[in-house]
Amino acid sequence: ASFFVERFYLLNYDSSFSENFYTLRRSPVTKNPKDGNTSLTTAQRWRSLAFLVLVPYIKAKLDGWFKRISGRDDEEIAEFGEVDRSAPPEASNKFSYILHKLVLTMYPYFNLTYEGALLVYQIAYMHDYSRYYDWFLHLQGIELKRMLLPELMEQQKRVQAKRNLFLKRWYGKGIIGLFVRVIYRLYNGIF
């Protein structure tokens, strides 16, 4: 579900779902700040979508796997606060054993680096030492910018024109066209 919501906002607003609420938009970094073309390309939108959806998903799966194999899974707390003290799953063969040991040894350092880099970028951005909010944006060459009123008005005109064009295609299509128009209006009313 997150994929479709973020994709919708990147296609229509050049921002993620949460960035749109704060009137922020993603803009490619240019050498000349007065360069007129500030909308994202298709490739930049797909990269942004991968960093917004895929990277956090993989990180969450790695976190869960580490907790499970290290025996630190907090979800195993039973009723009345009793903790399940069973041993973590054992590796079934030599390769699995080596992989488990490697993950148990290296993952905390990976996690520290990942979270530490995010923290450093956010503090640097907060104090105007960096133009990138996080290292994902830095890798993509995209920065966040606050939208001004003329940009907001232009964006709303573009989005409304897209919506009207879509709805116009479904007029005269009978009951299916009516159903699509109602679903589309409900969808856009929510998002």
N, C-alpha and C. Protein backbone atom coordinates (compact mmCIF):
# COMPACT_ATOMS: atom_id res chain seq x y z
N ALA A 1 0.82 -1.18 0.00
CA ALA A 1 0.00 0.00 0.00
C ALA A 1 0.88 1.26 0.00
N SER A 2 1.96 1.22 0.75
CA SER A 2 2.85 2.38 0.82
C SER A 2 3.43 2.70 -0.56
N PHE A 3 3.72 1.65 -1.33
CA PHE A 3 4.27 1.84 -2.67
C PHE A 3 3.33 2.69 -3.53
N PHE A 4 2.03 2.37 -3.51
CA PHE A 4 1.07 3.07 -4.36
C PHE A 4 0.84 4.50 -3.90
N VAL A 5 0.81 4.72 -2.59
CA VAL A 5 0.61 6.08 -2.08
C VAL A 5 1.82 6.96 -2.43
N GLU A 6 3.03 6.45 -2.17
CA GLU A 6 4.23 7.23 -2.47
C GLU A 6 4.38 7.47 -3.97
N ARG A 7 4.04 6.47 -4.78
CA ARG A 7 4.12 6.61 -6.23
C ARG A 7 3.16 7.70 -6.71
N PHE A 8 1.94 7.70 -6.18
CA PHE A 8 0.95 8.70 -6.55
C PHE A 8 1.48 10.11 -6.24
N TYR A 9 2.03 10.29 -5.05
CA TYR A 9 2.51 11.62 -4.67
C TYR A 9 3.76 12.02 -5.45
N LEU A 10 4.63 11.09 -5.74
CA LEU A 10 5.81 11.44 -6.54
C LEU A 10 5.42 11.81 -7.96
N LEU A 11 4.45 11.11 -8.54
CA LEU A 11 4.03 11.42 -9.90
C LEU A 11 3.30 12.75 -9.99
N ASN A 12 2.48 13.04 -9.01
CA ASN A 12 1.64 14.24 -9.08
C ASN A 12 2.24 15.47 -8.40
N TYR A 13 3.04 15.27 -7.35
CA TYR A 13 3.50 16.42 -6.58
C TYR A 13 5.02 16.53 -6.46
N ASP A 14 5.77 15.59 -7.00
CA ASP A 14 7.23 15.57 -6.84
C ASP A 14 7.65 15.58 -5.37
N SER A 15 6.88 14.91 -4.55
CA SER A 15 7.20 14.82 -3.12
C SER A 15 6.61 13.54 -2.57
N SER A 16 7.08 13.12 -1.41
CA SER A 16 6.49 11.96 -0.77
C SER A 16 5.20 12.38 -0.08
N PHE A 17 4.48 11.41 0.43
CA PHE A 17 3.22 11.67 1.11
C PHE A 17 3.41 12.66 2.25
N SER A 18 4.40 12.41 3.10
CA SER A 18 4.60 13.29 4.26
C SER A 18 5.20 14.64 3.86
N GLU A 19 6.08 14.65 2.87
CA GLU A 19 6.67 15.92 2.44
C GLU A 19 5.62 16.86 1.87
N ASN A 20 4.60 16.31 1.24
CA ASN A 20 3.56 17.13 0.64
C ASN A 20 2.78 17.92 1.69
N PHE A 21 2.60 17.35 2.88
CA PHE A 21 1.87 18.05 3.94
C PHE A 21 2.62 19.29 4.43
N TYR A 22 3.92 19.29 4.29
CA TYR A 22 4.72 20.43 4.73
C TYR A 22 5.12 21.32 3.56
N THR A 23 4.41 21.20 2.46
CA THR A 23 4.66 21.94 1.21
C THR A 23 6.13 21.87 0.79
N LEU A 24 6.70 20.69 0.90
CA LEU A 24 8.05 20.45 0.42
C LEU A 24 7.96 19.68 -0.89
N ARG A 25 8.94 19.88 -1.73
CA ARG A 25 9.02 19.09 -2.96
C ARG A 25 10.46 18.70 -3.21
N ARG A 26 10.63 17.62 -3.94
CA ARG A 26 11.96 17.15 -4.30
C ARG A 26 12.37 17.83 -5.59
N SER A 27 13.60 18.28 -5.60
CA SER A 27 14.10 18.99 -6.76
C SER A 27 15.51 18.52 -7.06
N PRO A 28 15.84 18.28 -8.33
CA PRO A 28 17.22 17.88 -8.64
C PRO A 28 18.19 19.00 -8.32
N VAL A 29 19.36 18.64 -7.85
CA VAL A 29 20.39 19.62 -7.53
C VAL A 29 21.01 20.11 -8.84
N THR A 30 21.03 21.41 -9.01
CA THR A 30 21.63 22.01 -10.21
C THR A 30 22.74 22.96 -9.80
N LYS A 31 23.68 23.18 -10.71
CA LYS A 31 24.78 24.09 -10.42
C LYS A 31 24.30 25.54 -10.43
N ASN A 32 23.34 25.82 -11.28
CA ASN A 32 22.79 27.17 -11.36
C ASN A 32 21.44 27.18 -10.64
N PRO A 33 21.34 27.88 -9.50
CA PRO A 33 20.09 27.87 -8.74
C PRO A 33 18.91 28.47 -9.50
N LYS A 34 19.17 29.28 -10.53
CA LYS A 34 18.08 29.91 -11.27
C LYS A 34 17.65 29.07 -12.47
N ASP A 35 18.14 27.83 -12.53
CA ASP A 35 17.76 26.94 -13.62
C ASP A 35 16.27 26.66 -13.53
N GLY A 36 15.56 26.76 -14.66
CA GLY A 36 14.11 26.67 -14.67
C GLY A 36 13.57 25.26 -14.49
N ASN A 37 14.25 24.23 -14.97
CA ASN A 37 13.73 22.87 -14.90
C ASN A 37 14.03 22.27 -13.52
N THR A 38 13.03 22.26 -12.65
CA THR A 38 13.23 21.74 -11.31
C THR A 38 12.35 20.54 -11.01
N SER A 39 11.65 20.00 -12.01
CA SER A 39 10.84 18.81 -11.74
C SER A 39 11.70 17.56 -11.89
N LEU A 40 11.28 16.51 -11.22
CA LEU A 40 12.04 15.27 -11.23
C LEU A 40 11.85 14.54 -12.57
N THR A 41 12.88 13.85 -12.99
CA THR A 41 12.77 12.99 -14.16
C THR A 41 12.11 11.68 -13.74
N THR A 42 11.75 10.87 -14.70
CA THR A 42 11.14 9.57 -14.40
C THR A 42 12.10 8.68 -13.62
N ALA A 43 13.37 8.68 -14.01
CA ALA A 43 14.37 7.87 -13.31
C ALA A 43 14.53 8.34 -11.87
N GLN A 44 14.52 9.65 -11.64
CA GLN A 44 14.65 10.17 -10.28
C GLN A 44 13.43 9.81 -9.43
N ARG A 45 12.26 9.80 -10.05
CA ARG A 45 11.05 9.41 -9.31
C ARG A 45 11.13 7.94 -8.89
N TRP A 46 11.59 7.07 -9.78
CA TRP A 46 11.70 5.66 -9.44
C TRP A 46 12.77 5.43 -8.38
N ARG A 47 13.88 6.15 -8.47
CA ARG A 47 14.91 6.03 -7.42
C ARG A 47 14.36 6.51 -6.09
N SER A 48 13.64 7.63 -6.11
CA SER A 48 13.04 8.15 -4.88
C SER A 48 12.06 7.13 -4.30
N LEU A 49 11.29 6.51 -5.16
CA LEU A 49 10.33 5.51 -4.70
C LEU A 49 11.04 4.32 -4.07
N ALA A 50 12.14 3.91 -4.66
CA ALA A 50 12.92 2.79 -4.08
C ALA A 50 13.46 3.18 -2.71
N PHE A 51 13.99 4.40 -2.58
CA PHE A 51 14.54 4.81 -1.29
C PHE A 51 13.44 5.09 -0.26
N LEU A 52 12.25 5.45 -0.71
CA LEU A 52 11.15 5.70 0.23
C LEU A 52 10.47 4.42 0.70
N VAL A 53 10.43 3.40 -0.15
CA VAL A 53 9.67 2.20 0.17
C VAL A 53 10.57 0.98 0.36
N LEU A 54 11.44 0.72 -0.59
CA LEU A 54 12.22 -0.52 -0.60
C LEU A 54 13.30 -0.55 0.48
N VAL A 55 14.06 0.52 0.62
CA VAL A 55 15.14 0.54 1.61
C VAL A 55 14.61 0.40 3.04
N PRO A 56 13.57 1.14 3.45
CA PRO A 56 13.04 0.91 4.81
C PRO A 56 12.46 -0.49 5.00
N TYR A 57 11.88 -1.06 3.95
CA TYR A 57 11.35 -2.42 4.05
C TYR A 57 12.47 -3.42 4.30
N ILE A 58 13.55 -3.30 3.52
CA ILE A 58 14.69 -4.21 3.69
C ILE A 58 15.31 -4.02 5.08
N LYS A 59 15.43 -2.78 5.53
CA LYS A 59 15.99 -2.50 6.85
C LYS A 59 15.13 -3.11 7.95
N ALA A 60 13.82 -3.02 7.83
CA ALA A 60 12.92 -3.60 8.82
C ALA A 60 13.04 -5.13 8.84
N LYS A 61 13.18 -5.73 7.67
CA LYS A 61 13.35 -7.19 7.60
C LYS A 61 14.68 -7.61 8.23
N LEU A 62 15.75 -6.85 7.96
CA LEU A 62 17.04 -7.16 8.57
C LEU A 62 16.99 -7.01 10.09
N ASP A 63 16.31 -5.95 10.57
CA ASP A 63 16.15 -5.76 12.01
C ASP A 63 15.42 -6.95 12.64
N GLY A 64 14.34 -7.39 12.00
CA GLY A 64 13.58 -8.52 12.52
C GLY A 64 14.39 -9.80 12.51
N TRP A 65 15.16 -10.02 11.44
CA TRP A 65 15.99 -11.22 11.35
C TRP A 65 17.06 -11.21 12.43
N PHE A 66 17.69 -10.04 12.64
CA PHE A 66 18.72 -9.95 13.67
C PHE A 66 18.13 -10.22 15.05
N LYS A 67 16.97 -9.64 15.34
CA LYS A 67 16.34 -9.87 16.64
C LYS A 67 16.01 -11.34 16.84
N ARG A 68 15.55 -11.98 15.77
CA ARG A 68 15.16 -13.39 15.89
C ARG A 68 16.36 -14.29 16.12
N ILE A 69 17.45 -14.10 15.36
CA ILE A 69 18.59 -15.00 15.51
C ILE A 69 19.44 -14.67 16.74
N SER A 70 19.30 -13.45 17.24
CA SER A 70 20.07 -13.10 18.44
C SER A 70 19.32 -13.42 19.72
N GLY A 71 18.03 -13.77 19.60
CA GLY A 71 17.24 -14.09 20.78
C GLY A 71 16.70 -12.87 21.48
N ARG A 72 16.69 -11.72 20.82
CA ARG A 72 16.22 -10.46 21.43
C ARG A 72 14.85 -10.05 20.91
N ASP A 73 14.07 -10.99 20.50
CA ASP A 73 12.77 -10.67 19.91
C ASP A 73 11.80 -10.26 21.00
N ASP A 74 11.39 -8.99 21.00
CA ASP A 74 10.47 -8.46 22.01
C ASP A 74 9.04 -8.92 21.80
N GLU A 75 8.72 -9.44 20.61
CA GLU A 75 7.35 -9.86 20.33
C GLU A 75 7.00 -11.17 21.00
N GLU A 76 7.95 -11.85 21.62
CA GLU A 76 7.69 -13.13 22.24
C GLU A 76 7.28 -12.98 23.71
N ILE A 77 6.98 -11.78 24.15
CA ILE A 77 6.54 -11.57 25.53
C ILE A 77 5.12 -12.10 25.65
N ALA A 78 4.95 -13.03 26.55
CA ALA A 78 3.66 -13.70 26.70
C ALA A 78 2.74 -12.87 27.59
N GLU A 79 1.56 -13.43 27.84
CA GLU A 79 0.59 -12.78 28.71
C GLU A 79 1.15 -12.64 30.13
N PHE A 80 0.79 -11.60 30.83
CA PHE A 80 1.22 -11.29 32.19
C PHE A 80 2.72 -11.00 32.26
N GLY A 81 3.32 -10.58 31.16
CA GLY A 81 4.71 -10.16 31.18
C GLY A 81 5.72 -11.28 31.24
N GLU A 82 5.29 -12.52 31.09
CA GLU A 82 6.23 -13.63 31.11
C GLU A 82 6.99 -13.66 29.78
N VAL A 83 8.27 -13.80 29.88
CA VAL A 83 9.10 -13.79 28.69
C VAL A 83 9.41 -15.21 28.26
N ASP A 84 9.29 -15.47 26.98
CA ASP A 84 9.64 -16.79 26.43
C ASP A 84 11.17 -16.88 26.39
N ARG A 85 11.75 -17.72 27.20
CA ARG A 85 13.20 -17.84 27.32
C ARG A 85 13.77 -18.97 26.46
N SER A 86 13.05 -19.37 25.43
CA SER A 86 13.59 -20.44 24.59
C SER A 86 14.79 -19.92 23.82
N ALA A 87 15.64 -20.80 23.46
CA ALA A 87 16.88 -20.44 22.77
C ALA A 87 16.57 -19.95 21.36
N PRO A 88 17.40 -19.06 20.84
CA PRO A 88 17.20 -18.61 19.47
C PRO A 88 17.40 -19.78 18.50
N PRO A 89 16.84 -19.68 17.29
CA PRO A 89 16.98 -20.78 16.35
C PRO A 89 18.44 -21.08 16.05
N GLU A 90 18.76 -22.34 16.01
CA GLU A 90 20.14 -22.77 15.73
C GLU A 90 20.32 -22.94 14.23
N ALA A 91 21.54 -22.74 13.78
CA ALA A 91 21.87 -22.93 12.37
C ALA A 91 21.90 -24.42 12.06
N SER A 92 21.37 -24.78 10.90
CA SER A 92 21.24 -26.20 10.57
C SER A 92 22.49 -26.78 9.92
N ASN A 93 23.30 -25.97 9.27
CA ASN A 93 24.53 -26.48 8.66
C ASN A 93 25.66 -25.48 8.85
N LYS A 94 26.83 -25.80 8.36
CA LYS A 94 28.01 -24.96 8.59
C LYS A 94 27.87 -23.58 7.96
N PHE A 95 27.32 -23.52 6.74
CA PHE A 95 27.13 -22.22 6.08
C PHE A 95 26.17 -21.34 6.88
N SER A 96 25.06 -21.91 7.33
CA SER A 96 24.10 -21.15 8.13
C SER A 96 24.73 -20.68 9.44
N TYR A 97 25.52 -21.54 10.03
CA TYR A 97 26.19 -21.19 11.28
C TYR A 97 27.13 -20.00 11.06
N ILE A 98 27.92 -20.03 10.00
CA ILE A 98 28.84 -18.94 9.70
C ILE A 98 28.06 -17.66 9.39
N LEU A 99 26.97 -17.79 8.62
CA LEU A 99 26.14 -16.62 8.29
C LEU A 99 25.54 -16.02 9.55
N HIS A 100 25.02 -16.86 10.45
CA HIS A 100 24.45 -16.34 11.70
C HIS A 100 25.51 -15.63 12.54
N LYS A 101 26.67 -16.22 12.64
CA LYS A 101 27.75 -15.58 13.41
C LYS A 101 28.16 -14.25 12.79
N LEU A 102 28.24 -14.22 11.46
CA LEU A 102 28.61 -12.99 10.76
C LEU A 102 27.57 -11.90 10.99
N VAL A 103 26.30 -12.27 10.89
CA VAL A 103 25.23 -11.29 11.12
C VAL A 103 25.25 -10.81 12.57
N LEU A 104 25.39 -11.73 13.51
CA LEU A 104 25.41 -11.34 14.92
C LEU A 104 26.59 -10.43 15.24
N THR A 105 27.70 -10.61 14.53
CA THR A 105 28.89 -9.80 14.78
C THR A 105 28.82 -8.46 14.07
N MET A 106 28.41 -8.46 12.80
CA MET A 106 28.53 -7.26 11.97
C MET A 106 27.28 -6.37 11.95
N TYR A 107 26.10 -6.94 12.15
CA TYR A 107 24.88 -6.14 12.01
C TYR A 107 24.81 -4.96 12.97
N PRO A 108 25.21 -5.09 14.23
CA PRO A 108 25.17 -3.90 15.10
C PRO A 108 26.02 -2.73 14.55
N TYR A 109 27.15 -3.04 13.93
CA TYR A 109 27.98 -1.99 13.35
C TYR A 109 27.32 -1.38 12.11
N PHE A 110 26.70 -2.23 11.31
CA PHE A 110 25.95 -1.74 10.15
C PHE A 110 24.82 -0.83 10.61
N ASN A 111 24.07 -1.26 11.61
CA ASN A 111 22.94 -0.48 12.12
C ASN A 111 23.42 0.86 12.70
N LEU A 112 24.54 0.83 13.43
CA LEU A 112 25.10 2.06 13.98
C LEU A 112 25.50 3.03 12.86
N THR A 113 26.12 2.51 11.83
CA THR A 113 26.53 3.35 10.70
C THR A 113 25.31 3.93 9.98
N TYR A 114 24.32 3.10 9.73
CA TYR A 114 23.10 3.52 9.04
C TYR A 114 22.38 4.62 9.82
N GLU A 115 22.08 4.35 11.07
CA GLU A 115 21.35 5.32 11.90
C GLU A 115 22.19 6.55 12.21
N GLY A 116 23.50 6.35 12.43
CA GLY A 116 24.39 7.48 12.70
C GLY A 116 24.50 8.42 11.51
N ALA A 117 24.57 7.86 10.30
CA ALA A 117 24.64 8.70 9.10
C ALA A 117 23.35 9.52 8.95
N LEU A 118 22.21 8.89 9.22
CA LEU A 118 20.95 9.63 9.16
C LEU A 118 20.94 10.78 10.16
N LEU A 119 21.40 10.51 11.38
CA LEU A 119 21.44 11.54 12.41
C LEU A 119 22.37 12.68 12.04
N VAL A 120 23.57 12.36 11.55
CA VAL A 120 24.53 13.39 11.17
C VAL A 120 23.98 14.25 10.04
N TYR A 121 23.38 13.64 9.03
CA TYR A 121 22.80 14.41 7.93
C TYR A 121 21.67 15.31 8.42
N GLN A 122 20.82 14.81 9.30
CA GLN A 122 19.70 15.63 9.78
C GLN A 122 20.18 16.80 10.62
N ILE A 123 21.19 16.60 11.45
CA ILE A 123 21.73 17.70 12.25
C ILE A 123 22.42 18.72 11.35
N ALA A 124 23.18 18.25 10.37
CA ALA A 124 23.85 19.17 9.43
C ALA A 124 22.82 19.96 8.63
N TYR A 125 21.74 19.32 8.22
CA TYR A 125 20.68 20.01 7.46
C TYR A 125 19.98 21.04 8.34
N MET A 126 19.75 20.68 9.59
CA MET A 126 19.06 21.56 10.51
C MET A 126 19.87 22.84 10.76
N HIS A 127 21.20 22.74 10.74
CA HIS A 127 22.05 23.90 10.97
C HIS A 127 22.63 24.49 9.69
N ASP A 128 22.04 24.15 8.55
CA ASP A 128 22.43 24.68 7.23
C ASP A 128 23.88 24.36 6.84
N TYR A 129 24.37 23.21 7.25
CA TYR A 129 25.70 22.77 6.81
C TYR A 129 25.60 21.85 5.60
N SER A 130 24.40 21.41 5.30
CA SER A 130 24.19 20.51 4.17
C SER A 130 22.89 20.88 3.48
N ARG A 131 22.83 20.65 2.20
CA ARG A 131 21.59 20.90 1.48
C ARG A 131 20.75 19.64 1.37
N TYR A 132 21.24 18.53 1.92
CA TYR A 132 20.54 17.24 1.86
C TYR A 132 20.04 16.86 3.25
N TYR A 133 18.78 16.47 3.32
CA TYR A 133 18.17 16.09 4.60
C TYR A 133 18.71 14.75 5.09
N ASP A 134 18.92 13.83 4.17
CA ASP A 134 19.51 12.55 4.55
C ASP A 134 20.39 12.04 3.43
N TRP A 135 21.13 10.98 3.71
CA TRP A 135 22.10 10.51 2.73
C TRP A 135 21.43 9.82 1.54
N PHE A 136 20.15 9.42 1.68
CA PHE A 136 19.43 8.88 0.53
C PHE A 136 19.26 9.96 -0.53
N LEU A 137 18.90 11.15 -0.10
CA LEU A 137 18.74 12.27 -1.04
C LEU A 137 20.08 12.66 -1.65
N HIS A 138 21.14 12.60 -0.86
CA HIS A 138 22.48 12.93 -1.36
C HIS A 138 22.89 11.95 -2.46
N LEU A 139 22.64 10.66 -2.25
CA LEU A 139 22.97 9.66 -3.27
C LEU A 139 22.19 9.89 -4.57
N GLN A 140 20.98 10.39 -4.44
CA GLN A 140 20.14 10.61 -5.62
C GLN A 140 20.40 11.95 -6.29
N GLY A 141 21.07 12.87 -5.60
CA GLY A 141 21.27 14.21 -6.14
C GLY A 141 19.99 15.03 -6.12
N ILE A 142 19.20 14.85 -5.07
CA ILE A 142 17.91 15.54 -4.93
C ILE A 142 17.90 16.27 -3.60
N GLU A 143 17.34 17.47 -3.61
CA GLU A 143 17.20 18.23 -2.37
C GLU A 143 15.73 18.56 -2.15
N LEU A 144 15.40 18.84 -0.89
CA LEU A 144 14.04 19.26 -0.54
C LEU A 144 13.96 20.77 -0.57
N LYS A 145 12.91 21.28 -1.17
CA LYS A 145 12.69 22.73 -1.21
C LYS A 145 11.26 23.02 -0.78
N ARG A 146 11.11 24.15 -0.11
CA ARG A 146 9.78 24.60 0.27
C ARG A 146 9.13 25.25 -0.94
N MET A 147 7.88 24.89 -1.18
CA MET A 147 7.16 25.44 -2.32
C MET A 147 6.59 26.81 -1.96
N LEU A 148 6.69 27.72 -2.89
CA LEU A 148 6.14 29.06 -2.72
C LEU A 148 4.71 29.07 -3.26
N LEU A 149 3.96 30.10 -2.95
CA LEU A 149 2.56 30.17 -3.34
C LEU A 149 2.35 30.05 -4.85
N PRO A 150 3.13 30.75 -5.70
CA PRO A 150 2.91 30.57 -7.15
C PRO A 150 3.16 29.13 -7.61
N GLU A 151 4.14 28.46 -7.01
CA GLU A 151 4.41 27.05 -7.36
C GLU A 151 3.25 26.15 -6.92
N LEU A 152 2.70 26.43 -5.74
CA LEU A 152 1.56 25.65 -5.26
C LEU A 152 0.36 25.80 -6.18
N MET A 153 0.10 27.02 -6.59
CA MET A 153 -1.04 27.28 -7.48
C MET A 153 -0.84 26.60 -8.83
N GLU A 154 0.37 26.67 -9.38
CA GLU A 154 0.67 26.01 -10.65
C GLU A 154 0.53 24.50 -10.53
N GLN A 155 1.00 23.96 -9.43
CA GLN A 155 0.89 22.52 -9.20
C GLN A 155 -0.58 22.08 -9.12
N GLN A 156 -1.39 22.84 -8.41
CA GLN A 156 -2.81 22.51 -8.30
C GLN A 156 -3.50 22.55 -9.65
N LYS A 157 -3.12 23.50 -10.50
CA LYS A 157 -3.69 23.56 -11.85
C LYS A 157 -3.33 22.33 -12.66
N ARG A 158 -2.05 21.91 -12.58
CA ARG A 158 -1.61 20.71 -13.31
C ARG A 158 -2.34 19.47 -12.84
N VAL A 159 -2.46 19.30 -11.52
CA VAL A 159 -3.11 18.13 -10.97
C VAL A 159 -4.59 18.13 -11.34
N GLN A 160 -5.24 19.27 -11.27
CA GLN A 160 -6.66 19.35 -11.62
C GLN A 160 -6.87 19.05 -13.10
N ALA A 161 -5.96 19.50 -13.95
CA ALA A 161 -6.06 19.19 -15.39
C ALA A 161 -5.92 17.69 -15.63
N LYS A 162 -5.00 17.03 -14.93
CA LYS A 162 -4.84 15.57 -15.06
C LYS A 162 -6.10 14.85 -14.61
N ARG A 163 -6.67 15.28 -13.50
CA ARG A 163 -7.88 14.64 -12.98
C ARG A 163 -9.04 14.80 -13.95
N ASN A 164 -9.22 16.02 -14.47
CA ASN A 164 -10.31 16.26 -15.39
C ASN A 164 -10.16 15.44 -16.67
N LEU A 165 -8.94 15.32 -17.17
CA LEU A 165 -8.68 14.52 -18.37
C LEU A 165 -9.01 13.05 -18.12
N PHE A 166 -8.61 12.54 -16.97
CA PHE A 166 -8.90 11.15 -16.63
C PHE A 166 -10.41 10.92 -16.54
N LEU A 167 -11.10 11.81 -15.84
CA LEU A 167 -12.54 11.63 -15.67
C LEU A 167 -13.28 11.79 -16.99
N LYS A 168 -12.82 12.67 -17.86
CA LYS A 168 -13.46 12.89 -19.16
C LYS A 168 -13.41 11.62 -20.01
N ARG A 169 -12.33 10.84 -19.88
CA ARG A 169 -12.21 9.60 -20.65
C ARG A 169 -13.28 8.58 -20.27
N TRP A 170 -13.81 8.66 -19.05
CA TRP A 170 -14.76 7.66 -18.58
C TRP A 170 -16.22 8.09 -18.73
N TYR A 171 -16.49 9.31 -19.22
CA TYR A 171 -17.88 9.71 -19.47
C TYR A 171 -18.41 8.94 -20.66
N GLY A 172 -19.65 8.52 -20.61
CA GLY A 172 -20.29 7.79 -21.70
C GLY A 172 -19.89 6.33 -21.77
N LYS A 173 -19.30 5.77 -20.73
CA LYS A 173 -18.88 4.35 -20.71
C LYS A 173 -19.87 3.50 -19.92
N GLY A 174 -21.03 4.03 -19.61
CA GLY A 174 -22.05 3.24 -18.92
C GLY A 174 -21.77 3.11 -17.44
N ILE A 175 -22.22 1.99 -16.90
CA ILE A 175 -22.12 1.75 -15.46
C ILE A 175 -20.67 1.59 -15.02
N ILE A 176 -19.82 1.02 -15.88
CA ILE A 176 -18.40 0.86 -15.53
C ILE A 176 -17.74 2.24 -15.44
N GLY A 177 -18.06 3.13 -16.37
CA GLY A 177 -17.52 4.49 -16.31
C GLY A 177 -17.95 5.23 -15.06
N LEU A 178 -19.23 5.06 -14.69
CA LEU A 178 -19.73 5.68 -13.46
C LEU A 178 -19.00 5.12 -12.24
N PHE A 179 -18.81 3.80 -12.20
CA PHE A 179 -18.11 3.16 -11.10
C PHE A 179 -16.67 3.69 -11.00
N VAL A 180 -15.95 3.77 -12.12
CA VAL A 180 -14.57 4.27 -12.13
C VAL A 180 -14.52 5.71 -11.67
N ARG A 181 -15.46 6.55 -12.12
CA ARG A 181 -15.45 7.96 -11.71
C ARG A 181 -15.70 8.10 -10.20
N VAL A 182 -16.61 7.31 -9.65
CA VAL A 182 -16.91 7.37 -8.22
C VAL A 182 -15.69 6.91 -7.41
N ILE A 183 -15.09 5.79 -7.82
CA ILE A 183 -13.90 5.28 -7.11
C ILE A 183 -12.76 6.29 -7.20
N TYR A 184 -12.57 6.88 -8.37
CA TYR A 184 -11.49 7.86 -8.54
C TYR A 184 -11.71 9.08 -7.65
N ARG A 185 -12.94 9.57 -7.59
CA ARG A 185 -13.22 10.73 -6.73
C ARG A 185 -13.03 10.39 -5.25
N LEU A 186 -13.41 9.18 -4.84
CA LEU A 186 -13.19 8.77 -3.46
C LEU A 186 -11.69 8.67 -3.16
N TYR A 187 -10.95 8.08 -4.10
CA TYR A 187 -9.50 7.93 -3.93
C TYR A 187 -8.83 9.30 -3.79
N ASN A 188 -9.19 10.23 -4.65
CA ASN A 188 -8.58 11.57 -4.59
C ASN A 188 -9.09 12.37 -3.41
N GLY A 189 -10.27 12.03 -2.90
CA GLY A 189 -10.75 12.70 -1.70
C GLY A 189 -9.97 12.29 -0.47
N ILE A 190 -9.49 11.04 -0.48
CA ILE A 190 -8.69 10.55 0.66
C ILE A 190 -7.28 11.07 0.57
N PHE A 191 -6.68 11.03 -0.61
CA PHE A 191 -5.29 11.41 -0.78
C PHE A 191 -5.18 12.79 -1.38
